[in-house]
């Protein structure tokens, strides 16, 4: 079984699963309503899939929930590491330091 894509993907999937279950829908029901393949939806719930913005909005809309509910509180640190984890704040600070005489 594949491992989760990241902590962020796992959290997002758990939130989708909780809301789907709250609505008493099966994965197949929700996938059908969202116009997507049930296997792909299942991957999202397991944290293996990495849904794009449109998919998140579509699923949230089908469930009658603001998409922000699903991503609220997920941070950069919960994403997979990149070669250089550099924030805009870091970039601006370094740029200002270099500009000083």
PDB file of N, CA and C in Angstrom:
ATOM      1  N   UNK A   1       0.840  -1.181   0.000  1.00  0.00           N
ATOM      2  CA  UNK A   1       0.000   0.000   0.000  1.00  0.00           C
ATOM      3  C   UNK A   1       0.885   1.244   0.000  1.00  0.00           C
ATOM      4  N   UNK A   2       0.618   2.203  -0.876  1.00  0.00           N
ATOM      5  CA  UNK A   2       1.441   3.408  -0.927  1.00  0.00           C
ATOM      6  C   UNK A   2       1.312   4.226   0.351  1.00  0.00           C
ATOM      7  N   UNK A   3       2.371   4.922   0.701  1.00  0.00           N
ATOM      8  CA  UNK A   3       2.318   5.776   1.878  1.00  0.00           C
ATOM      9  C   UNK A   3       1.688   7.116   1.500  1.00  0.00           C
ATOM     10  N   UNK A   4       1.328   7.876   2.520  1.00  0.00           N
ATOM     11  CA  UNK A   4       0.713   9.173   2.260  1.00  0.00           C
ATOM     12  C   UNK A   4       1.704  10.086   1.561  1.00  0.00           C
ATOM     13  N   UNK A   5       1.153  11.009   0.793  1.00  0.00           N
ATOM     14  CA  UNK A   5       1.974  11.963   0.049  1.00  0.00           C
ATOM     15  C   UNK A   5       2.702  12.890   1.015  1.00  0.00           C
ATOM     16  N   UNK A   6       2.005  13.331   2.068  1.00  0.00           N
ATOM     17  CA  UNK A   6       2.570  14.233   3.072  1.00  0.00           C
ATOM     18  C   UNK A   6       1.603  14.299   4.245  1.00  0.00           C
ATOM     19  N   UNK A   7       2.042  14.928   5.329  1.00  0.00           N
ATOM     20  CA  UNK A   7       1.128  15.157   6.453  1.00  0.00           C
ATOM     21  C   UNK A   7      -0.059  15.998   5.996  1.00  0.00           C
ATOM     22  N   UNK A   8       0.203  16.974   5.139  1.00  0.00           N
ATOM     23  CA  UNK A   8      -0.875  17.830   4.644  1.00  0.00           C
ATOM     24  C   UNK A   8      -1.895  17.007   3.870  1.00  0.00           C
ATOM     25  N   UNK A   9      -1.444  16.096   3.026  1.00  0.00           N
ATOM     26  CA  UNK A   9      -2.356  15.241   2.256  1.00  0.00           C
ATOM     27  C   UNK A   9      -3.156  14.326   3.179  1.00  0.00           C
ATOM     28  N   UNK A  10      -2.506  13.821   4.207  1.00  0.00           N
ATOM     29  CA  UNK A  10      -3.181  12.936   5.163  1.00  0.00           C
ATOM     30  C   UNK A  10      -4.275  13.698   5.898  1.00  0.00           C
ATOM     31  N   UNK A  11      -3.967  14.903   6.352  1.00  0.00           N
ATOM     32  CA  UNK A  11      -4.937  15.731   7.077  1.00  0.00           C
ATOM     33  C   UNK A  11      -6.108  16.081   6.162  1.00  0.00           C
ATOM     34  N   UNK A  12      -5.812  16.493   4.943  1.00  0.00           N
ATOM     35  CA  UNK A  12      -6.861  16.844   3.989  1.00  0.00           C
ATOM     36  C   UNK A  12      -7.776  15.642   3.749  1.00  0.00           C
ATOM     37  N   UNK A  13      -7.178  14.478   3.544  1.00  0.00           N
ATOM     38  CA  UNK A  13      -7.962  13.271   3.319  1.00  0.00           C
ATOM     39  C   UNK A  13      -8.842  12.926   4.500  1.00  0.00           C
ATOM     40  N   UNK A  14      -8.305  13.061   5.704  1.00  0.00           N
ATOM     41  CA  UNK A  14      -9.097  12.789   6.906  1.00  0.00           C
ATOM     42  C   UNK A  14     -10.285  13.738   6.999  1.00  0.00           C
ATOM     43  N   UNK A  15     -10.079  14.988   6.645  1.00  0.00           N
ATOM     44  CA  UNK A  15     -11.165  15.964   6.704  1.00  0.00           C
ATOM     45  C   UNK A  15     -12.251  15.642   5.679  1.00  0.00           C
ATOM     46  N   UNK A  16     -11.848  15.253   4.476  1.00  0.00           N
ATOM     47  CA  UNK A  16     -12.839  14.857   3.476  1.00  0.00           C
ATOM     48  C   UNK A  16     -13.615  13.629   3.956  1.00  0.00           C
ATOM     49  N   UNK A  17     -12.905  12.639   4.504  1.00  0.00           N
ATOM     50  CA  UNK A  17     -13.560  11.423   4.980  1.00  0.00           C
ATOM     51  C   UNK A  17     -14.566  11.741   6.084  1.00  0.00           C
ATOM     52  N   UNK A  18     -14.162  12.573   7.048  1.00  0.00           N
ATOM     53  CA  UNK A  18     -15.057  12.923   8.159  1.00  0.00           C
ATOM     54  C   UNK A  18     -16.330  13.600   7.654  1.00  0.00           C
ATOM     55  N   UNK A  19     -16.171  14.525   6.725  1.00  0.00           N
ATOM     56  CA  UNK A  19     -17.346  15.229   6.205  1.00  0.00           C
ATOM     57  C   UNK A  19     -18.218  14.291   5.390  1.00  0.00           C
ATOM     58  N   UNK A  20     -17.619  13.443   4.582  1.00  0.00           N
ATOM     59  CA  UNK A  20     -18.387  12.479   3.790  1.00  0.00           C
ATOM     60  C   UNK A  20     -19.181  11.565   4.705  1.00  0.00           C
ATOM     61  N   UNK A  21     -18.552  11.072   5.754  1.00  0.00           N
ATOM     62  CA  UNK A  21     -19.233  10.183   6.685  1.00  0.00           C
ATOM     63  C   UNK A  21     -20.330  10.921   7.456  1.00  0.00           C
ATOM     64  N   UNK A  22     -20.067  12.170   7.797  1.00  0.00           N
ATOM     65  CA  UNK A  22     -21.091  12.975   8.481  1.00  0.00           C
ATOM     66  C   UNK A  22     -22.347  13.072   7.620  1.00  0.00           C
ATOM     67  N   UNK A  23     -22.152  13.143   6.301  1.00  0.00           N
ATOM     68  CA  UNK A  23     -23.278  13.225   5.372  1.00  0.00           C
ATOM     69  C   UNK A  23     -23.866  11.857   5.028  1.00  0.00           C
ATOM     70  N   UNK A  24     -23.295  10.799   5.595  1.00  0.00           N
ATOM     71  CA  UNK A  24     -23.731   9.419   5.333  1.00  0.00           C
ATOM     72  C   UNK A  24     -23.652   9.056   3.855  1.00  0.00           C
ATOM     73  N   UNK A  25     -22.558   9.473   3.217  1.00  0.00           N
ATOM     74  CA  UNK A  25     -22.317   9.148   1.811  1.00  0.00           C
ATOM     75  C   UNK A  25     -21.200   8.123   1.719  1.00  0.00           C
ATOM     76  N   UNK A  26     -21.268   7.277   0.706  1.00  0.00           N
ATOM     77  CA  UNK A  26     -20.157   6.365   0.431  1.00  0.00           C
ATOM     78  C   UNK A  26     -19.146   7.110  -0.438  1.00  0.00           C
ATOM     79  N   UNK A  27     -17.959   6.542  -0.555  1.00  0.00           N
ATOM     80  CA  UNK A  27     -16.972   7.118  -1.468  1.00  0.00           C
ATOM     81  C   UNK A  27     -17.533   7.136  -2.887  1.00  0.00           C
ATOM     82  N   UNK A  28     -18.239   6.084  -3.256  1.00  0.00           N
ATOM     83  CA  UNK A  28     -18.809   6.010  -4.600  1.00  0.00           C
ATOM     84  C   UNK A  28     -19.849   7.111  -4.816  1.00  0.00           C
ATOM     85  N   UNK A  29     -20.693   7.356  -3.802  1.00  0.00           N
ATOM     86  CA  UNK A  29     -21.692   8.424  -3.902  1.00  0.00           C
ATOM     87  C   UNK A  29     -21.013   9.772  -4.144  1.00  0.00           C
ATOM     88  N   UNK A  30     -20.025  10.062  -3.324  1.00  0.00           N
ATOM     89  CA  UNK A  30     -19.376  11.369  -3.413  1.00  0.00           C
ATOM     90  C   UNK A  30     -18.617  11.522  -4.723  1.00  0.00           C
ATOM     91  N   UNK A  31     -17.916  10.493  -5.130  1.00  0.00           N
ATOM     92  CA  UNK A  31     -17.187  10.546  -6.397  1.00  0.00           C
ATOM     93  C   UNK A  31     -18.157  10.783  -7.550  1.00  0.00           C
ATOM     94  N   UNK A  32     -19.280  10.092  -7.543  1.00  0.00           N
ATOM     95  CA  UNK A  32     -20.289  10.263  -8.591  1.00  0.00           C
ATOM     96  C   UNK A  32     -20.794  11.703  -8.613  1.00  0.00           C
ATOM     97  N   UNK A  33     -21.141  12.233  -7.446  1.00  0.00           N
ATOM     98  CA  UNK A  33     -21.664  13.605  -7.372  1.00  0.00           C
ATOM     99  C   UNK A  33     -20.635  14.632  -7.846  1.00  0.00           C
ATOM    100  N   UNK A  34     -19.362  14.345  -7.613  1.00  0.00           N
ATOM    101  CA  UNK A  34     -18.292  15.266  -8.007  1.00  0.00           C
ATOM    102  C   UNK A  34     -17.806  15.010  -9.426  1.00  0.00           C
ATOM    103  N   UNK A  35     -18.316  13.963 -10.064  1.00  0.00           N
ATOM    104  CA  UNK A  35     -17.909  13.657 -11.435  1.00  0.00           C
ATOM    105  C   UNK A  35     -16.487  13.145 -11.536  1.00  0.00           C
ATOM    106  N   UNK A  36     -16.089  12.350 -10.545  1.00  0.00           N
ATOM    107  CA  UNK A  36     -14.731  11.829 -10.580  1.00  0.00           C
ATOM    108  C   UNK A  36     -14.725  10.319 -10.345  1.00  0.00           C
ATOM    109  N   UNK A  37     -13.611   9.696 -10.633  1.00  0.00           N
ATOM    110  CA  UNK A  37     -13.438   8.266 -10.452  1.00  0.00           C
ATOM    111  C   UNK A  37     -13.345   7.950  -8.964  1.00  0.00           C
ATOM    112  N   UNK A  38     -14.051   6.915  -8.516  1.00  0.00           N
ATOM    113  CA  UNK A  38     -14.063   6.568  -7.100  1.00  0.00           C
ATOM    114  C   UNK A  38     -12.669   6.182  -6.601  1.00  0.00           C
ATOM    115  N   UNK A  39     -11.871   5.538  -7.442  1.00  0.00           N
ATOM    116  CA  UNK A  39     -10.511   5.171  -7.029  1.00  0.00           C
ATOM    117  C   UNK A  39      -9.674   6.424  -6.757  1.00  0.00           C
ATOM    118  N   UNK A  40      -9.836   7.440  -7.589  1.00  0.00           N
ATOM    119  CA  UNK A  40      -9.095   8.688  -7.370  1.00  0.00           C
ATOM    120  C   UNK A  40      -9.560   9.389  -6.100  1.00  0.00           C
ATOM    121  N   UNK A  41     -10.870   9.354  -5.854  1.00  0.00           N
ATOM    122  CA  UNK A  41     -11.362   9.956  -4.611  1.00  0.00           C
ATOM    123  C   UNK A  41     -10.819   9.191  -3.403  1.00  0.00           C
ATOM    124  N   UNK A  42     -10.801   7.869  -3.483  1.00  0.00           N
ATOM    125  CA  UNK A  42     -10.277   7.062  -2.382  1.00  0.00           C
ATOM    126  C   UNK A  42      -8.827   7.394  -2.070  1.00  0.00           C
ATOM    127  N   UNK A  43      -8.050   7.670  -3.100  1.00  0.00           N
ATOM    128  CA  UNK A  43      -6.644   8.058  -2.904  1.00  0.00           C
ATOM    129  C   UNK A  43      -6.550   9.364  -2.122  1.00  0.00           C
ATOM    130  N   UNK A  44      -7.462  10.292  -2.398  1.00  0.00           N
ATOM    131  CA  UNK A  44      -7.459  11.567  -1.670  1.00  0.00           C
ATOM    132  C   UNK A  44      -7.720  11.307  -0.195  1.00  0.00           C
ATOM    133  N   UNK A  45      -8.726  10.507   0.103  1.00  0.00           N
ATOM    134  CA  UNK A  45      -9.050  10.217   1.505  1.00  0.00           C
ATOM    135  C   UNK A  45      -7.902   9.523   2.225  1.00  0.00           C
ATOM    136  N   UNK A  46      -7.166   8.681   1.531  1.00  0.00           N
ATOM    137  CA  UNK A  46      -6.047   7.969   2.153  1.00  0.00           C
ATOM    138  C   UNK A  46      -4.778   8.825   2.231  1.00  0.00           C
ATOM    139  N   UNK A  47      -4.816  10.020   1.666  1.00  0.00           N
ATOM    140  CA  UNK A  47      -3.645  10.893   1.694  1.00  0.00           C
ATOM    141  C   UNK A  47      -2.607  10.523   0.661  1.00  0.00           C
ATOM    142  N   UNK A  48      -2.977   9.635  -0.261  1.00  0.00           N
ATOM    143  CA  UNK A  48      -2.057   9.199  -1.308  1.00  0.00           C
ATOM    144  C   UNK A  48      -2.191  10.104  -2.523  1.00  0.00           C
ATOM    145  N   UNK A  49      -3.399  10.555  -2.797  1.00  0.00           N
ATOM    146  CA  UNK A  49      -3.633  11.462  -3.920  1.00  0.00           C
ATOM    147  C   UNK A  49      -3.301  12.887  -3.537  1.00  0.00           C
ATOM    148  N   UNK A  50      -3.066  13.696  -4.528  1.00  0.00           N
ATOM    149  CA  UNK A  50      -2.739  15.099  -4.312  1.00  0.00           C
ATOM    150  C   UNK A  50      -3.701  15.932  -5.169  1.00  0.00           C
ATOM    151  N   UNK A  51      -4.902  16.224  -4.632  1.00  0.00           N
ATOM    152  CA  UNK A  51      -5.910  16.896  -5.448  1.00  0.00           C
ATOM    153  C   UNK A  51      -5.509  18.321  -5.796  1.00  0.00           C
ATOM    154  N   UNK A  52      -5.902  18.735  -6.998  1.00  0.00           N
ATOM    155  CA  UNK A  52      -5.640  20.120  -7.377  1.00  0.00           C
ATOM    156  C   UNK A  52      -6.727  21.028  -6.799  1.00  0.00           C
ATOM    157  N   UNK A  53      -6.575  22.301  -6.980  1.00  0.00           N
ATOM    158  CA  UNK A  53      -7.490  23.293  -6.431  1.00  0.00           C
ATOM    159  C   UNK A  53      -8.921  23.049  -6.890  1.00  0.00           C
ATOM    160  N   UNK A  54      -9.111  22.792  -8.178  1.00  0.00           N
ATOM    161  CA  UNK A  54     -10.453  22.587  -8.711  1.00  0.00           C
ATOM    162  C   UNK A  54     -11.131  21.380  -8.071  1.00  0.00           C
ATOM    163  N   UNK A  55     -10.380  20.329  -7.832  1.00  0.00           N
ATOM    164  CA  UNK A  55     -10.952  19.131  -7.209  1.00  0.00           C
ATOM    165  C   UNK A  55     -11.381  19.426  -5.779  1.00  0.00           C
ATOM    166  N   UNK A  56     -10.558  20.148  -5.040  1.00  0.00           N
ATOM    167  CA  UNK A  56     -10.907  20.512  -3.661  1.00  0.00           C
ATOM    168  C   UNK A  56     -12.181  21.344  -3.650  1.00  0.00           C
ATOM    169  N   UNK A  57     -12.261  22.328  -4.531  1.00  0.00           N
ATOM    170  CA  UNK A  57     -13.445  23.191  -4.589  1.00  0.00           C
ATOM    171  C   UNK A  57     -14.675  22.386  -5.008  1.00  0.00           C
ATOM    172  N   UNK A  58     -14.528  21.518  -5.982  1.00  0.00           N
ATOM    173  CA  UNK A  58     -15.650  20.696  -6.455  1.00  0.00           C
ATOM    174  C   UNK A  58     -16.167  19.787  -5.335  1.00  0.00           C
ATOM    175  N   UNK A  59     -15.269  19.084  -4.658  1.00  0.00           N
ATOM    176  CA  UNK A  59     -15.684  18.199  -3.575  1.00  0.00           C
ATOM    177  C   UNK A  59     -16.349  18.978  -2.443  1.00  0.00           C
ATOM    178  N   UNK A  60     -15.769  20.101  -2.090  1.00  0.00           N
ATOM    179  CA  UNK A  60     -16.364  20.923  -1.036  1.00  0.00           C
ATOM    180  C   UNK A  60     -17.753  21.399  -1.451  1.00  0.00           C
ATOM    181  N   UNK A  61     -17.887  21.826  -2.690  1.00  0.00           N
ATOM    182  CA  UNK A  61     -19.176  22.300  -3.177  1.00  0.00           C
ATOM    183  C   UNK A  61     -20.234  21.220  -3.155  1.00  0.00           C
ATOM    184  N   UNK A  62     -19.871  20.028  -3.564  1.00  0.00           N
ATOM    185  CA  UNK A  62     -20.803  18.900  -3.551  1.00  0.00           C
ATOM    186  C   UNK A  62     -21.270  18.618  -2.116  1.00  0.00           C
ATOM    187  N   UNK A  63     -20.350  18.791  -1.153  1.00  0.00           N
ATOM    188  CA  UNK A  63     -20.692  18.538   0.244  1.00  0.00           C
ATOM    189  C   UNK A  63     -21.337  19.738   0.919  1.00  0.00           C
ATOM    190  N   UNK A  64     -21.392  20.869   0.217  1.00  0.00           N
ATOM    191  CA  UNK A  64     -22.010  22.064   0.787  1.00  0.00           C
ATOM    192  C   UNK A  64     -21.174  22.728   1.859  1.00  0.00           C
ATOM    193  N   UNK A  65     -19.851  22.646   1.699  1.00  0.00           N
ATOM    194  CA  UNK A  65     -18.916  23.179   2.693  1.00  0.00           C
ATOM    195  C   UNK A  65     -17.971  24.160   2.010  1.00  0.00           C
ATOM    196  N   UNK A  66     -17.584  25.205   2.721  1.00  0.00           N
ATOM    197  CA  UNK A  66     -16.590  26.140   2.207  1.00  0.00           C
ATOM    198  C   UNK A  66     -15.261  25.392   2.057  1.00  0.00           C
ATOM    199  N   UNK A  67     -14.604  25.476   0.897  1.00  0.00           N
ATOM    200  CA  UNK A  67     -13.332  24.758   0.698  1.00  0.00           C
ATOM    201  C   UNK A  67     -12.276  25.095   1.743  1.00  0.00           C
ATOM    202  N   UNK A  68     -12.346  26.286   2.305  1.00  0.00           N
ATOM    203  CA  UNK A  68     -11.356  26.699   3.309  1.00  0.00           C
ATOM    204  C   UNK A  68     -11.361  25.784   4.522  1.00  0.00           C
ATOM    205  N   UNK A  69     -12.499  25.178   4.823  1.00  0.00           N
ATOM    206  CA  UNK A  69     -12.616  24.274   5.964  1.00  0.00           C
ATOM    207  C   UNK A  69     -11.623  23.119   5.840  1.00  0.00           C
ATOM    208  N   UNK A  70     -11.409  22.657   4.626  1.00  0.00           N
ATOM    209  CA  UNK A  70     -10.562  21.489   4.419  1.00  0.00           C
ATOM    210  C   UNK A  70      -9.071  21.805   4.500  1.00  0.00           C
ATOM    211  N   UNK A  71      -8.675  23.018   4.182  1.00  0.00           N
ATOM    212  CA  UNK A  71      -7.244  23.351   4.174  1.00  0.00           C
ATOM    213  C   UNK A  71      -6.823  24.236   5.344  1.00  0.00           C
ATOM    214  N   UNK A  72      -7.790  24.678   6.133  1.00  0.00           N
ATOM    215  CA  UNK A  72      -7.493  25.568   7.259  1.00  0.00           C
ATOM    216  C   UNK A  72      -6.469  24.947   8.203  1.00  0.00           C
ATOM    217  N   UNK A  73      -5.454  25.717   8.532  1.00  0.00           N
ATOM    218  CA  UNK A  73      -4.449  25.286   9.498  1.00  0.00           C
ATOM    219  C   UNK A  73      -3.342  24.412   8.936  1.00  0.00           C
ATOM    220  N   UNK A  74      -3.443  24.008   7.691  1.00  0.00           N
ATOM    221  CA  UNK A  74      -2.367  23.213   7.087  1.00  0.00           C
ATOM    222  C   UNK A  74      -1.222  24.171   6.755  1.00  0.00           C
ATOM    223  N   UNK A  75      -0.025  23.815   7.181  1.00  0.00           N
ATOM    224  CA  UNK A  75       1.116  24.718   7.048  1.00  0.00           C
ATOM    225  C   UNK A  75       2.163  24.195   6.067  1.00  0.00           C
ATOM    226  N   UNK A  76       3.058  25.061   5.707  1.00  0.00           N
ATOM    227  CA  UNK A  76       4.162  24.728   4.810  1.00  0.00           C
ATOM    228  C   UNK A  76       4.986  23.563   5.348  1.00  0.00           C
ATOM    229  N   UNK A  77       5.136  23.502   6.656  1.00  0.00           N
ATOM    230  CA  UNK A  77       5.935  22.446   7.275  1.00  0.00           C
ATOM    231  C   UNK A  77       5.312  21.066   7.084  1.00  0.00           C
ATOM    232  N   UNK A  78       4.027  21.008   6.783  1.00  0.00           N
ATOM    233  CA  UNK A  78       3.350  19.726   6.602  1.00  0.00           C
ATOM    234  C   UNK A  78       3.407  19.220   5.163  1.00  0.00           C
ATOM    235  N   UNK A  79       3.984  20.019   4.278  1.00  0.00           N
ATOM    236  CA  UNK A  79       4.174  19.616   2.891  1.00  0.00           C
ATOM    237  C   UNK A  79       5.464  18.821   2.755  1.00  0.00           C
ATOM    238  N   UNK A  80       5.603  18.070   1.682  1.00  0.00           N
ATOM    239  CA  UNK A  80       6.873  17.350   1.482  1.00  0.00           C
ATOM    240  C   UNK A  80       8.030  18.341   1.377  1.00  0.00           C
ATOM    241  N   UNK A  81       9.204  17.958   1.851  1.00  0.00           N
ATOM    242  CA  UNK A  81      10.341  18.878   1.765  1.00  0.00           C
ATOM    243  C   UNK A  81      10.725  19.142   0.311  1.00  0.00           C
ATOM    244  N   UNK A  82      11.221  20.332   0.080  1.00  0.00           N
ATOM    245  CA  UNK A  82      11.716  20.699  -1.243  1.00  0.00           C
ATOM    246  C   UNK A  82      13.216  20.900  -1.148  1.00  0.00           C
ATOM    247  N   UNK A  83      13.827  21.115  -2.285  1.00  0.00           N
ATOM    248  CA  UNK A  83      15.278  21.347  -2.288  1.00  0.00           C
ATOM    249  C   UNK A  83      15.635  22.547  -1.424  1.00  0.00           C
ATOM    250  N   UNK A  84      14.845  23.596  -1.548  1.00  0.00           N
ATOM    251  CA  UNK A  84      15.069  24.796  -0.749  1.00  0.00           C
ATOM    252  C   UNK A  84      13.728  25.301  -0.255  1.00  0.00           C
ATOM    253  N   UNK A  85      13.517  25.188   1.038  1.00  0.00           N
ATOM    254  CA  UNK A  85      12.275  25.690   1.615  1.00  0.00           C
ATOM    255  C   UNK A  85      12.511  27.143   1.999  1.00  0.00           C
ATOM    256  N   UNK A  86      12.137  28.019   1.112  1.00  0.00           N
ATOM    257  CA  UNK A  86      12.431  29.433   1.237  1.00  0.00           C
ATOM    258  C   UNK A  86      11.121  30.186   1.150  1.00  0.00           C
ATOM    259  N   UNK A  87      10.759  30.928   2.184  1.00  0.00           N
ATOM    260  CA  UNK A  87       9.508  31.675   2.175  1.00  0.00           C
ATOM    261  C   UNK A  87       9.733  33.075   1.607  1.00  0.00           C
ATOM    262  N   UNK A  88       8.646  33.743   1.272  1.00  0.00           N
ATOM    263  CA  UNK A  88       8.738  35.117   0.787  1.00  0.00           C
ATOM    264  C   UNK A  88       9.363  36.006   1.856  1.00  0.00           C
ATOM    265  N   UNK A  89       9.011  35.757   3.112  1.00  0.00           N
ATOM    266  CA  UNK A  89       9.578  36.545   4.218  1.00  0.00           C
ATOM    267  C   UNK A  89      11.101  36.388   4.267  1.00  0.00           C
ATOM    268  N   UNK A  90      11.596  35.146   4.107  1.00  0.00           N
ATOM    269  CA  UNK A  90      13.040  34.896   4.083  1.00  0.00           C
ATOM    270  C   UNK A  90      13.694  35.624   2.913  1.00  0.00           C
ATOM    271  N   UNK A  91      13.068  35.535   1.756  1.00  0.00           N
ATOM    272  CA  UNK A  91      13.598  36.165   0.547  1.00  0.00           C
ATOM    273  C   UNK A  91      13.703  37.676   0.711  1.00  0.00           C
ATOM    274  N   UNK A  92      12.660  38.295   1.222  1.00  0.00           N
ATOM    275  CA  UNK A  92      12.652  39.755   1.396  1.00  0.00           C
ATOM    276  C   UNK A  92      13.721  40.171   2.399  1.00  0.00           C
ATOM    277  N   UNK A  93      13.838  39.434   3.498  1.00  0.00           N
ATOM    278  CA  UNK A  93      14.843  39.762   4.514  1.00  0.00           C
ATOM    279  C   UNK A  93      16.247  39.684   3.917  1.00  0.00           C
ATOM    280  N   UNK A  94      16.526  38.620   3.167  1.00  0.00           N
ATOM    281  CA  UNK A  94      17.847  38.481   2.571  1.00  0.00           C
ATOM    282  C   UNK A  94      18.093  39.553   1.519  1.00  0.00           C
ATOM    283  N   UNK A  95      17.094  39.867   0.726  1.00  0.00           N
ATOM    284  CA  UNK A  95      17.235  40.909  -0.293  1.00  0.00           C
ATOM    285  C   UNK A  95      17.547  42.248   0.361  1.00  0.00           C
ATOM    286  N   UNK A  96      16.886  42.543   1.474  1.00  0.00           N
ATOM    287  CA  UNK A  96      17.142  43.814   2.182  1.00  0.00           C
ATOM    288  C   UNK A  96      18.544  43.838   2.779  1.00  0.00           C
ATOM    289  N   UNK A  97      19.007  42.715   3.277  1.00  0.00           N
ATOM    290  CA  UNK A  97      20.363  42.641   3.840  1.00  0.00           C
ATOM    291  C   UNK A  97      21.406  42.867   2.762  1.00  0.00           C
ATOM    292  N   UNK A  98      21.183  42.328   1.578  1.00  0.00           N
ATOM    293  CA  UNK A  98      22.128  42.506   0.475  1.00  0.00           C
ATOM    294  C   UNK A  98      22.142  43.931  -0.046  1.00  0.00           C
ATOM    295  N   UNK A  99      21.027  44.635   0.081  1.00  0.00           N
ATOM    296  CA  UNK A  99      20.917  45.996  -0.436  1.00  0.00           C
ATOM    297  C   UNK A  99      21.588  47.014   0.483  1.00  0.00           C
ATOM    298  N   UNK A 100      21.856  46.608   1.727  1.00  0.00           N
ATOM    299  CA  UNK A 100      22.507  47.524   2.682  1.00  0.00           C
ATOM    300  C   UNK A 100      23.969  47.735   2.291  1.00  0.00           C
ATOM    301  N   UNK A 101      24.436  48.981   2.421  1.00  0.00           N
ATOM    302  CA  UNK A 101      25.847  49.265   2.078  1.00  0.00           C
ATOM    303  C   UNK A 101      26.828  48.686   3.058  1.00  0.00           C
TER     304      UNK A 101
END
